[in-house]
N, C-alpha and C. Protein backbone atom coordinates (compact mmCIF):
# COMPACT_ATOMS: atom_id res chain seq x y z
N MET A 1 33.09 -24.23 -4.25
CA MET A 1 33.19 -23.38 -5.42
C MET A 1 32.58 -24.09 -6.62
N SER A 2 31.90 -23.37 -7.46
CA SER A 2 31.24 -23.98 -8.60
C SER A 2 32.19 -24.06 -9.80
N TYR A 3 31.78 -24.81 -10.77
CA TYR A 3 32.55 -25.08 -11.98
C TYR A 3 32.63 -23.82 -12.84
N PHE A 4 33.84 -23.28 -13.02
CA PHE A 4 34.06 -22.03 -13.76
C PHE A 4 33.13 -20.92 -13.28
N ASP A 5 32.80 -20.93 -12.00
CA ASP A 5 31.92 -19.93 -11.38
C ASP A 5 30.54 -19.85 -12.04
N ILE A 6 30.08 -20.95 -12.62
CA ILE A 6 28.73 -21.00 -13.16
C ILE A 6 27.80 -21.26 -11.99
N GLU A 7 26.95 -20.29 -11.69
CA GLU A 7 26.08 -20.37 -10.52
C GLU A 7 25.23 -21.63 -10.55
N GLY A 8 25.28 -22.40 -9.46
CA GLY A 8 24.43 -23.57 -9.29
C GLY A 8 24.91 -24.82 -10.00
N TYR A 9 25.96 -24.74 -10.80
CA TYR A 9 26.36 -25.89 -11.62
C TYR A 9 27.45 -26.72 -10.93
N GLN A 10 27.13 -27.98 -10.71
CA GLN A 10 28.08 -28.95 -10.18
C GLN A 10 28.01 -30.19 -11.06
N PRO A 11 28.96 -30.38 -11.97
CA PRO A 11 28.89 -31.55 -12.85
C PRO A 11 28.94 -32.85 -12.06
N GLN A 12 28.30 -33.86 -12.61
CA GLN A 12 28.27 -35.21 -12.03
C GLN A 12 28.89 -36.14 -13.07
N TRP A 13 30.18 -36.41 -12.96
CA TRP A 13 30.91 -37.11 -14.01
C TRP A 13 30.65 -38.61 -13.97
N LEU A 14 30.36 -39.16 -15.13
CA LEU A 14 30.16 -40.60 -15.32
C LEU A 14 31.00 -41.04 -16.51
N GLN A 15 31.29 -42.33 -16.57
CA GLN A 15 31.99 -42.91 -17.72
C GLN A 15 31.26 -44.15 -18.18
N GLY A 16 31.18 -44.32 -19.49
CA GLY A 16 30.60 -45.53 -20.06
C GLY A 16 29.11 -45.43 -20.31
N ARG A 17 28.71 -46.04 -21.42
CA ARG A 17 27.31 -45.98 -21.84
C ARG A 17 26.36 -46.58 -20.81
N ARG A 18 26.72 -47.68 -20.19
CA ARG A 18 25.82 -48.32 -19.22
C ARG A 18 25.54 -47.42 -18.02
N ALA A 19 26.57 -46.79 -17.50
CA ALA A 19 26.38 -45.90 -16.35
C ALA A 19 25.53 -44.69 -16.73
N ILE A 20 25.76 -44.14 -17.90
CA ILE A 20 25.02 -42.97 -18.34
C ILE A 20 23.56 -43.35 -18.62
N THR A 21 23.36 -44.50 -19.24
CA THR A 21 22.00 -44.97 -19.52
C THR A 21 21.24 -45.21 -18.22
N ALA A 22 21.89 -45.86 -17.27
CA ALA A 22 21.23 -46.15 -16.00
C ALA A 22 20.85 -44.87 -15.26
N ALA A 23 21.72 -43.87 -15.30
CA ALA A 23 21.48 -42.65 -14.55
C ALA A 23 20.51 -41.69 -15.26
N HIS A 24 20.55 -41.65 -16.60
CA HIS A 24 19.83 -40.58 -17.30
C HIS A 24 19.01 -41.04 -18.50
N GLY A 25 19.04 -42.32 -18.84
CA GLY A 25 18.38 -42.80 -20.05
C GLY A 25 16.91 -42.47 -20.12
N HIS A 26 16.17 -42.77 -19.07
CA HIS A 26 14.72 -42.54 -19.09
C HIS A 26 14.39 -41.05 -19.17
N ARG A 27 15.14 -40.24 -18.46
CA ARG A 27 14.84 -38.80 -18.47
C ARG A 27 15.21 -38.18 -19.82
N LEU A 28 16.31 -38.64 -20.41
CA LEU A 28 16.67 -38.16 -21.75
C LEU A 28 15.59 -38.56 -22.75
N HIS A 29 15.13 -39.81 -22.67
CA HIS A 29 14.09 -40.26 -23.58
C HIS A 29 12.80 -39.47 -23.39
N ALA A 30 12.52 -39.06 -22.18
CA ALA A 30 11.29 -38.31 -21.90
C ALA A 30 11.27 -36.94 -22.58
N LEU A 31 12.41 -36.48 -23.09
CA LEU A 31 12.46 -35.22 -23.82
C LEU A 31 11.84 -35.34 -25.21
N VAL A 32 11.76 -36.57 -25.73
CA VAL A 32 11.22 -36.79 -27.08
C VAL A 32 9.80 -36.25 -27.15
N GLY A 33 9.51 -35.51 -28.20
CA GLY A 33 8.21 -34.89 -28.39
C GLY A 33 8.18 -33.43 -27.95
N ARG A 34 9.15 -33.01 -27.14
CA ARG A 34 9.23 -31.62 -26.71
C ARG A 34 9.89 -30.77 -27.81
N HIS A 35 9.68 -29.49 -27.73
CA HIS A 35 10.27 -28.55 -28.68
C HIS A 35 11.49 -27.88 -28.06
N LEU A 36 12.52 -27.70 -28.86
CA LEU A 36 13.75 -27.05 -28.40
C LEU A 36 13.53 -25.54 -28.36
N ASP A 37 13.66 -24.96 -27.18
CA ASP A 37 13.54 -23.50 -27.05
C ASP A 37 14.87 -22.83 -27.41
N HIS A 38 15.94 -23.22 -26.71
CA HIS A 38 17.25 -22.62 -26.93
C HIS A 38 18.34 -23.64 -26.61
N VAL A 39 19.50 -23.42 -27.20
CA VAL A 39 20.74 -24.08 -26.78
C VAL A 39 21.66 -22.97 -26.31
N TRP A 40 22.02 -23.02 -25.04
CA TRP A 40 22.87 -21.99 -24.44
C TRP A 40 24.31 -22.49 -24.40
N LEU A 41 25.24 -21.63 -24.79
CA LEU A 41 26.67 -21.92 -24.73
C LEU A 41 27.34 -20.88 -23.85
N VAL A 42 28.41 -21.29 -23.16
CA VAL A 42 29.23 -20.33 -22.43
C VAL A 42 30.13 -19.65 -23.45
N TRP A 43 30.12 -18.32 -23.43
CA TRP A 43 30.84 -17.53 -24.41
C TRP A 43 31.99 -16.79 -23.74
N ASP A 44 33.19 -16.88 -24.33
CA ASP A 44 34.36 -16.13 -23.85
C ASP A 44 34.27 -14.73 -24.47
N ARG A 45 33.99 -13.74 -23.63
CA ARG A 45 33.79 -12.38 -24.12
C ARG A 45 35.08 -11.73 -24.62
N ASP A 46 36.23 -12.13 -24.07
CA ASP A 46 37.50 -11.54 -24.51
C ASP A 46 37.88 -12.04 -25.90
N ASP A 47 37.76 -13.33 -26.13
CA ASP A 47 38.14 -13.91 -27.42
C ASP A 47 36.98 -13.98 -28.41
N ASP A 48 35.78 -13.61 -27.96
CA ASP A 48 34.56 -13.67 -28.77
C ASP A 48 34.42 -15.03 -29.44
N GLU A 49 34.44 -16.07 -28.57
CA GLU A 49 34.29 -17.44 -29.07
C GLU A 49 33.66 -18.32 -28.00
N TRP A 50 33.17 -19.47 -28.46
CA TRP A 50 32.59 -20.45 -27.56
C TRP A 50 33.64 -20.95 -26.60
N PHE A 51 33.29 -20.97 -25.31
CA PHE A 51 34.15 -21.52 -24.27
C PHE A 51 33.73 -22.98 -24.09
N ALA A 52 34.38 -23.87 -24.82
CA ALA A 52 33.94 -25.26 -24.95
C ALA A 52 34.12 -26.09 -23.68
N ASP A 53 34.75 -25.53 -22.64
CA ASP A 53 34.87 -26.26 -21.37
C ASP A 53 33.59 -26.18 -20.54
N GLY A 54 32.71 -25.25 -20.86
CA GLY A 54 31.47 -25.09 -20.10
C GLY A 54 30.37 -25.99 -20.63
N PRO A 55 29.34 -26.21 -19.82
CA PRO A 55 28.26 -27.09 -20.24
C PRO A 55 27.46 -26.51 -21.41
N VAL A 56 26.93 -27.41 -22.22
CA VAL A 56 25.98 -27.04 -23.27
C VAL A 56 24.59 -27.26 -22.66
N VAL A 57 23.79 -26.21 -22.64
CA VAL A 57 22.48 -26.24 -21.98
C VAL A 57 21.39 -26.23 -23.04
N LEU A 58 20.57 -27.27 -23.05
CA LEU A 58 19.46 -27.38 -24.00
C LEU A 58 18.16 -27.28 -23.23
N ASP A 59 17.30 -26.36 -23.66
CA ASP A 59 16.02 -26.14 -23.00
C ASP A 59 14.92 -26.65 -23.93
N PHE A 60 14.20 -27.69 -23.46
CA PHE A 60 13.10 -28.30 -24.19
C PHE A 60 11.79 -27.99 -23.46
N ASP A 61 11.09 -26.97 -23.90
CA ASP A 61 9.81 -26.61 -23.29
C ASP A 61 9.91 -26.52 -21.76
N GLY A 62 10.98 -25.93 -21.26
CA GLY A 62 11.14 -25.76 -19.83
C GLY A 62 11.87 -26.88 -19.11
N GLU A 63 12.11 -28.01 -19.77
CA GLU A 63 12.92 -29.09 -19.19
C GLU A 63 14.33 -28.90 -19.72
N GLN A 64 15.25 -28.61 -18.82
CA GLN A 64 16.61 -28.23 -19.22
C GLN A 64 17.59 -29.35 -18.92
N VAL A 65 18.40 -29.72 -19.93
CA VAL A 65 19.45 -30.71 -19.75
C VAL A 65 20.79 -30.03 -20.03
N GLU A 66 21.77 -30.33 -19.19
CA GLU A 66 23.09 -29.72 -19.27
C GLU A 66 24.11 -30.83 -19.53
N ILE A 67 24.80 -30.73 -20.68
CA ILE A 67 25.74 -31.75 -21.14
C ILE A 67 27.14 -31.18 -21.08
N ASN A 68 28.08 -31.96 -20.53
CA ASN A 68 29.46 -31.49 -20.45
C ASN A 68 30.41 -32.68 -20.50
N HIS A 69 31.57 -32.48 -21.13
CA HIS A 69 32.62 -33.49 -21.23
C HIS A 69 33.93 -32.96 -20.65
N GLN A 70 34.72 -33.87 -20.14
CA GLN A 70 36.08 -33.55 -19.70
C GLN A 70 36.95 -34.79 -19.86
N LYS A 71 38.26 -34.59 -19.73
CA LYS A 71 39.25 -35.66 -19.88
C LYS A 71 38.98 -36.43 -21.17
N PHE A 72 39.19 -37.74 -21.18
CA PHE A 72 38.97 -38.52 -22.40
C PHE A 72 37.57 -39.10 -22.48
N ALA A 73 36.93 -39.37 -21.34
CA ALA A 73 35.66 -40.10 -21.41
C ALA A 73 34.64 -39.68 -20.36
N ASP A 74 34.91 -38.62 -19.60
CA ASP A 74 33.97 -38.19 -18.57
C ASP A 74 32.82 -37.40 -19.20
N LEU A 75 31.61 -37.77 -18.83
CA LEU A 75 30.41 -37.09 -19.30
C LEU A 75 29.56 -36.74 -18.09
N SER A 76 29.11 -35.49 -18.05
CA SER A 76 28.18 -35.06 -17.02
C SER A 76 26.86 -34.69 -17.68
N VAL A 77 25.78 -35.24 -17.15
CA VAL A 77 24.43 -34.85 -17.54
C VAL A 77 23.75 -34.37 -16.26
N THR A 78 23.35 -33.11 -16.25
CA THR A 78 22.62 -32.58 -15.10
C THR A 78 21.33 -31.94 -15.61
N TRP A 79 20.44 -31.64 -14.69
CA TRP A 79 19.09 -31.21 -15.04
C TRP A 79 18.72 -29.94 -14.29
N SER A 80 18.49 -28.89 -15.04
CA SER A 80 17.93 -27.63 -14.52
C SER A 80 18.69 -27.06 -13.33
N THR A 81 20.01 -27.12 -13.37
CA THR A 81 20.81 -26.54 -12.29
C THR A 81 21.33 -25.15 -12.65
N VAL A 82 21.29 -24.80 -13.93
CA VAL A 82 21.84 -23.54 -14.43
C VAL A 82 20.70 -22.62 -14.85
N ASP A 83 20.83 -21.35 -14.53
CA ASP A 83 19.89 -20.35 -15.03
C ASP A 83 20.66 -19.40 -15.95
N PRO A 84 20.70 -19.72 -17.26
CA PRO A 84 21.49 -18.88 -18.16
C PRO A 84 20.95 -17.46 -18.31
N THR A 85 19.69 -17.24 -18.01
CA THR A 85 19.15 -15.87 -18.10
C THR A 85 19.42 -15.09 -16.82
N GLY A 86 19.71 -15.79 -15.73
CA GLY A 86 19.95 -15.14 -14.45
C GLY A 86 21.39 -14.79 -14.20
N GLN A 87 22.31 -15.31 -15.01
CA GLN A 87 23.73 -15.03 -14.85
C GLN A 87 24.24 -14.54 -16.21
N ALA A 88 24.00 -13.29 -16.48
CA ALA A 88 24.30 -12.75 -17.81
C ALA A 88 25.80 -12.74 -18.11
N THR A 89 26.61 -12.21 -17.20
CA THR A 89 28.06 -12.17 -17.39
C THR A 89 28.74 -12.44 -16.05
N TRP A 90 29.92 -12.97 -16.11
CA TRP A 90 30.70 -13.22 -14.90
C TRP A 90 32.16 -13.43 -15.28
N SER A 91 33.01 -13.47 -14.25
CA SER A 91 34.44 -13.73 -14.45
C SER A 91 34.85 -14.93 -13.64
N ASN A 92 35.80 -15.66 -14.17
CA ASN A 92 36.40 -16.78 -13.45
C ASN A 92 37.89 -16.54 -13.45
N GLY A 93 38.45 -16.31 -12.29
CA GLY A 93 39.87 -16.02 -12.17
C GLY A 93 40.05 -14.77 -11.33
N ASP A 94 41.22 -14.17 -11.45
CA ASP A 94 41.54 -12.99 -10.67
C ASP A 94 42.16 -11.95 -11.59
N ASP A 95 41.40 -10.92 -11.93
CA ASP A 95 41.89 -9.87 -12.82
C ASP A 95 43.12 -9.16 -12.28
N GLU A 96 43.30 -9.19 -10.96
CA GLU A 96 44.40 -8.47 -10.33
C GLU A 96 45.70 -9.28 -10.29
N ASP A 97 45.63 -10.56 -10.55
CA ASP A 97 46.80 -11.43 -10.46
C ASP A 97 47.31 -11.75 -11.87
N PRO A 98 48.49 -11.24 -12.26
CA PRO A 98 49.00 -11.48 -13.61
C PRO A 98 49.37 -12.95 -13.86
N GLU A 99 49.50 -13.73 -12.81
CA GLU A 99 49.83 -15.15 -12.95
C GLU A 99 48.61 -16.03 -13.18
N VAL A 100 47.43 -15.47 -12.98
CA VAL A 100 46.19 -16.23 -13.11
C VAL A 100 45.42 -15.72 -14.31
N HIS A 101 45.09 -16.63 -15.23
CA HIS A 101 44.29 -16.23 -16.39
C HIS A 101 42.83 -16.10 -15.95
N THR A 102 42.23 -15.00 -16.30
CA THR A 102 40.84 -14.75 -15.97
C THR A 102 40.00 -14.87 -17.22
N PHE A 103 38.92 -15.63 -17.13
CA PHE A 103 37.96 -15.74 -18.21
C PHE A 103 36.80 -14.80 -17.93
N HIS A 104 36.38 -14.05 -18.93
CA HIS A 104 35.19 -13.20 -18.83
C HIS A 104 34.13 -13.87 -19.69
N LEU A 105 33.09 -14.36 -19.02
CA LEU A 105 32.15 -15.29 -19.65
C LEU A 105 30.72 -14.75 -19.65
N ALA A 106 29.93 -15.30 -20.55
CA ALA A 106 28.52 -14.96 -20.64
C ALA A 106 27.79 -16.13 -21.29
N TRP A 107 26.49 -16.25 -21.01
CA TRP A 107 25.65 -17.25 -21.69
C TRP A 107 25.14 -16.63 -22.98
N ARG A 108 25.22 -17.41 -24.08
CA ARG A 108 24.69 -16.96 -25.37
C ARG A 108 23.92 -18.10 -26.02
N HIS A 109 22.84 -17.75 -26.72
CA HIS A 109 22.07 -18.76 -27.45
C HIS A 109 21.93 -18.40 -28.92
N ASP A 110 22.66 -17.39 -29.35
CA ASP A 110 22.49 -16.87 -30.70
C ASP A 110 23.78 -16.89 -31.51
N THR A 111 24.66 -17.80 -31.21
CA THR A 111 25.99 -17.76 -31.81
C THR A 111 26.21 -18.75 -32.95
N ARG A 112 25.40 -19.77 -33.02
CA ARG A 112 25.59 -20.81 -34.03
C ARG A 112 24.32 -20.96 -34.86
N ALA A 113 24.43 -20.70 -36.14
CA ALA A 113 23.26 -20.79 -37.04
C ALA A 113 22.66 -22.19 -37.03
N GLU A 114 23.51 -23.22 -36.91
CA GLU A 114 23.00 -24.60 -36.91
C GLU A 114 22.10 -24.85 -35.70
N LEU A 115 22.42 -24.21 -34.58
CA LEU A 115 21.61 -24.38 -33.36
C LEU A 115 20.34 -23.54 -33.42
N THR A 116 20.45 -22.30 -33.84
CA THR A 116 19.25 -21.46 -33.90
C THR A 116 18.26 -22.00 -34.93
N ALA A 117 18.75 -22.70 -35.95
CA ALA A 117 17.85 -23.30 -36.95
C ALA A 117 16.99 -24.40 -36.33
N LEU A 118 17.44 -24.99 -35.23
CA LEU A 118 16.69 -26.07 -34.57
C LEU A 118 15.70 -25.55 -33.53
N GLU A 119 15.79 -24.28 -33.17
CA GLU A 119 14.88 -23.72 -32.17
C GLU A 119 13.44 -23.83 -32.65
N GLY A 120 12.58 -24.27 -31.76
CA GLY A 120 11.17 -24.45 -32.08
C GLY A 120 10.85 -25.79 -32.71
N LYS A 121 11.88 -26.58 -33.01
CA LYS A 121 11.67 -27.88 -33.65
C LYS A 121 11.40 -28.95 -32.60
N ARG A 122 10.63 -29.95 -33.00
CA ARG A 122 10.23 -31.05 -32.12
C ARG A 122 11.31 -32.13 -32.11
N LEU A 123 11.72 -32.54 -30.92
CA LEU A 123 12.72 -33.59 -30.77
C LEU A 123 12.12 -34.94 -31.12
N GLN A 124 12.76 -35.67 -32.02
CA GLN A 124 12.27 -36.97 -32.45
C GLN A 124 12.93 -38.14 -31.73
N ALA A 125 14.18 -37.98 -31.34
CA ALA A 125 14.90 -39.09 -30.69
C ALA A 125 16.13 -38.55 -29.97
N VAL A 126 16.57 -39.33 -28.99
CA VAL A 126 17.84 -39.08 -28.32
C VAL A 126 18.64 -40.37 -28.42
N GLU A 127 19.90 -40.24 -28.81
CA GLU A 127 20.77 -41.40 -28.92
C GLU A 127 22.04 -41.16 -28.12
N LEU A 128 22.53 -42.22 -27.51
CA LEU A 128 23.88 -42.20 -26.97
C LEU A 128 24.77 -42.79 -28.05
N LEU A 129 25.81 -42.07 -28.41
CA LEU A 129 26.74 -42.53 -29.43
C LEU A 129 28.05 -42.91 -28.75
N GLU A 130 28.46 -44.14 -28.95
CA GLU A 130 29.68 -44.65 -28.31
C GLU A 130 30.77 -44.75 -29.36
N TRP A 131 31.89 -44.06 -29.11
CA TRP A 131 32.99 -44.05 -30.06
C TRP A 131 33.67 -45.41 -30.08
N ALA A 132 33.75 -46.01 -31.28
CA ALA A 132 34.34 -47.34 -31.43
C ALA A 132 35.64 -47.29 -32.22
N GLY A 133 36.16 -46.10 -32.45
CA GLY A 133 37.44 -45.97 -33.15
C GLY A 133 38.56 -46.54 -32.29
N ARG A 134 39.58 -47.00 -32.94
CA ARG A 134 40.72 -47.59 -32.20
C ARG A 134 41.73 -46.49 -31.88
N ASP A 135 41.35 -45.65 -30.95
CA ASP A 135 42.21 -44.56 -30.53
C ASP A 135 41.93 -44.24 -29.06
N VAL A 136 42.52 -43.19 -28.57
CA VAL A 136 42.41 -42.86 -27.15
C VAL A 136 40.98 -42.53 -26.74
N ALA A 137 40.13 -42.16 -27.68
CA ALA A 137 38.74 -41.82 -27.37
C ALA A 137 37.81 -43.03 -27.37
N GLU A 138 38.31 -44.22 -27.60
CA GLU A 138 37.45 -45.40 -27.66
C GLU A 138 36.62 -45.52 -26.38
N GLY A 139 35.30 -45.69 -26.54
CA GLY A 139 34.39 -45.80 -25.41
C GLY A 139 33.76 -44.48 -24.98
N MET A 140 34.25 -43.35 -25.53
CA MET A 140 33.66 -42.05 -25.22
C MET A 140 32.19 -42.06 -25.64
N VAL A 141 31.35 -41.43 -24.82
CA VAL A 141 29.92 -41.37 -25.10
C VAL A 141 29.52 -39.94 -25.40
N ALA A 142 28.85 -39.77 -26.53
CA ALA A 142 28.29 -38.48 -26.93
C ALA A 142 26.77 -38.57 -26.83
N VAL A 143 26.13 -37.42 -26.65
CA VAL A 143 24.67 -37.37 -26.59
C VAL A 143 24.20 -36.67 -27.86
N SER A 144 23.30 -37.34 -28.59
CA SER A 144 22.83 -36.83 -29.87
C SER A 144 21.32 -36.59 -29.83
N PHE A 145 20.91 -35.40 -30.25
CA PHE A 145 19.51 -35.00 -30.27
C PHE A 145 19.07 -34.92 -31.73
N VAL A 146 18.04 -35.71 -32.09
CA VAL A 146 17.64 -35.87 -33.48
C VAL A 146 16.31 -35.16 -33.72
N PHE A 147 16.28 -34.34 -34.77
CA PHE A 147 15.10 -33.60 -35.20
C PHE A 147 14.85 -33.96 -36.66
N ALA A 148 13.64 -33.75 -37.15
CA ALA A 148 13.36 -33.98 -38.57
C ALA A 148 14.25 -33.08 -39.44
N GLU A 149 14.59 -31.91 -38.91
CA GLU A 149 15.35 -30.91 -39.65
C GLU A 149 16.85 -31.02 -39.45
N GLY A 150 17.33 -31.95 -38.66
CA GLY A 150 18.76 -32.06 -38.42
C GLY A 150 19.07 -32.74 -37.10
N ARG A 151 20.30 -32.64 -36.72
CA ARG A 151 20.79 -33.31 -35.51
C ARG A 151 21.91 -32.48 -34.92
N VAL A 152 21.97 -32.45 -33.58
CA VAL A 152 23.12 -31.88 -32.89
C VAL A 152 23.62 -32.94 -31.91
N THR A 153 24.91 -33.16 -31.94
CA THR A 153 25.56 -34.11 -31.05
C THR A 153 26.59 -33.36 -30.23
N ILE A 154 26.55 -33.57 -28.91
CA ILE A 154 27.56 -32.99 -28.04
C ILE A 154 28.51 -34.12 -27.68
N SER A 155 29.74 -34.01 -28.17
CA SER A 155 30.73 -35.06 -27.97
C SER A 155 31.94 -34.52 -27.22
N ASN A 156 32.88 -35.40 -26.96
CA ASN A 156 34.10 -35.07 -26.26
C ASN A 156 35.20 -34.80 -27.27
N ALA A 157 35.76 -33.60 -27.22
CA ALA A 157 36.88 -33.23 -28.08
C ALA A 157 38.17 -33.31 -27.29
N LEU A 158 38.29 -34.37 -26.49
CA LEU A 158 39.46 -34.61 -25.64
C LEU A 158 39.67 -33.47 -24.66
N ASP A 159 38.82 -33.43 -23.67
CA ASP A 159 38.84 -32.53 -22.52
C ASP A 159 38.02 -31.26 -22.71
N GLU A 160 37.14 -31.26 -23.70
CA GLU A 160 36.19 -30.18 -23.86
C GLU A 160 35.05 -30.67 -24.74
N ASN A 161 34.01 -29.88 -24.83
CA ASN A 161 32.86 -30.25 -25.65
C ASN A 161 33.13 -29.96 -27.12
N CYS A 162 32.43 -30.71 -27.95
CA CYS A 162 32.44 -30.48 -29.39
C CYS A 162 30.99 -30.56 -29.87
N LEU A 163 30.60 -29.68 -30.76
CA LEU A 163 29.28 -29.73 -31.38
C LEU A 163 29.43 -30.34 -32.76
N GLU A 164 28.66 -31.40 -33.02
CA GLU A 164 28.66 -32.05 -34.32
C GLU A 164 27.26 -31.93 -34.91
N PHE A 165 27.21 -31.72 -36.20
CA PHE A 165 25.93 -31.57 -36.88
C PHE A 165 25.86 -32.58 -38.01
N GLY A 166 24.67 -33.09 -38.27
CA GLY A 166 24.49 -34.07 -39.34
C GLY A 166 24.68 -35.48 -38.83
N ALA A 167 24.77 -36.41 -39.79
CA ALA A 167 24.88 -37.84 -39.46
C ALA A 167 26.16 -38.10 -38.66
N PRO A 168 26.09 -39.03 -37.71
CA PRO A 168 27.27 -39.34 -36.90
C PRO A 168 28.39 -39.96 -37.74
N HIS A 169 29.58 -39.75 -37.28
CA HIS A 169 30.77 -40.37 -37.89
C HIS A 169 30.59 -41.89 -37.89
N PRO A 170 31.08 -42.60 -38.90
CA PRO A 170 30.89 -44.06 -38.96
C PRO A 170 31.54 -44.83 -37.81
N ASP A 171 32.47 -44.21 -37.08
CA ASP A 171 33.09 -44.91 -35.94
C ASP A 171 32.25 -44.85 -34.66
N TYR A 172 31.10 -44.20 -34.73
CA TYR A 172 30.18 -44.23 -33.59
C TYR A 172 29.27 -45.44 -33.69
N ARG A 173 28.98 -46.05 -32.53
CA ARG A 173 27.91 -47.04 -32.42
C ARG A 173 26.72 -46.33 -31.77
N SER A 174 25.59 -46.38 -32.46
CA SER A 174 24.41 -45.67 -31.98
C SER A 174 23.60 -46.55 -31.03
N HIS A 175 23.17 -45.95 -29.92
CA HIS A 175 22.32 -46.62 -28.93
C HIS A 175 21.12 -45.73 -28.67
N PRO A 176 20.04 -45.91 -29.47
CA PRO A 176 18.84 -45.08 -29.26
C PRO A 176 18.24 -45.34 -27.88
N LEU A 177 17.75 -44.27 -27.29
CA LEU A 177 17.04 -44.39 -26.02
C LEU A 177 15.58 -44.61 -26.36
N ALA A 178 15.05 -45.78 -26.03
CA ALA A 178 13.72 -46.21 -26.49
C ALA A 178 12.66 -45.94 -25.43
N GLY A 179 11.52 -46.62 -25.57
CA GLY A 179 10.31 -46.35 -24.80
C GLY A 179 10.33 -46.79 -23.36
N PRO A 180 9.16 -46.74 -22.70
CA PRO A 180 9.04 -46.94 -21.27
C PRO A 180 9.36 -48.35 -20.80
N ASP A 181 9.29 -49.35 -21.65
CA ASP A 181 9.60 -50.71 -21.23
C ASP A 181 11.08 -51.03 -21.39
N TRP A 182 11.81 -50.09 -21.88
CA TRP A 182 13.23 -50.26 -22.12
C TRP A 182 13.98 -50.35 -20.79
N PRO A 183 14.93 -51.28 -20.66
CA PRO A 183 15.58 -51.48 -19.36
C PRO A 183 16.47 -50.30 -18.96
N ARG A 184 16.55 -50.07 -17.65
CA ARG A 184 17.42 -49.02 -17.13
C ARG A 184 18.89 -49.35 -17.35
N SER A 185 19.25 -50.60 -17.27
CA SER A 185 20.64 -50.97 -17.51
C SER A 185 20.63 -52.28 -18.25
N GLY A 186 21.66 -52.61 -18.85
CA GLY A 186 21.74 -53.81 -19.64
C GLY A 186 23.18 -54.16 -19.84
N PRO A 187 22.96 -55.64 -20.29
CA PRO A 187 24.34 -56.09 -20.45
C PRO A 187 25.19 -54.88 -21.12
N ASP A 188 39.00 -35.76 -35.11
CA ASP A 188 39.26 -34.39 -35.51
C ASP A 188 38.00 -33.64 -35.25
N CYS A 189 38.04 -32.52 -34.42
CA CYS A 189 36.77 -31.91 -34.10
C CYS A 189 36.52 -30.72 -35.03
N THR A 190 36.40 -31.03 -36.29
CA THR A 190 36.06 -29.97 -37.27
C THR A 190 34.59 -30.05 -37.56
N ARG A 191 33.84 -30.58 -36.68
CA ARG A 191 32.42 -30.81 -36.89
C ARG A 191 31.63 -29.54 -36.62
N MET A 192 32.26 -28.51 -36.12
CA MET A 192 31.55 -27.27 -35.78
C MET A 192 31.26 -26.46 -37.02
């Protein structure tokens, strides 16, 4: 069974900046220079709001990256496994069972003005942001996409995704993903 019945989507959970960098650093960096076509969010049709448990899908000139968080520090980065235009609406749950909550979901790319303002813009950098605050989220890794016109960061809001806009919080340590000689491995969510 797939994650929240999202066709084709199977998250691959990792923890820690080193593991994420080793698995996805080069491919994330390869997005630099591409233009952002859309950012797709899973939308709860009943509550008319973002379903933050689903992956955030960013399409850069046909190269699609899917970012998702769960628990305190799990991050999944997958590539082109979701077709948001091919699965317009769906349900997860059982409408006939009163004991089971059913979500009625859809993919949307037109719900956040901050995201639509970045459409068509050229990606300048990708950074992994590691939370260094002295709290339960210490070590959490967020993925930040930097444009001349702004920035969107997908972070962990303690078991769901959070969208942050603008400069990162001072408790983040920034780890830019650099060029081709760069090593594969090495030694309050009111932001919406």
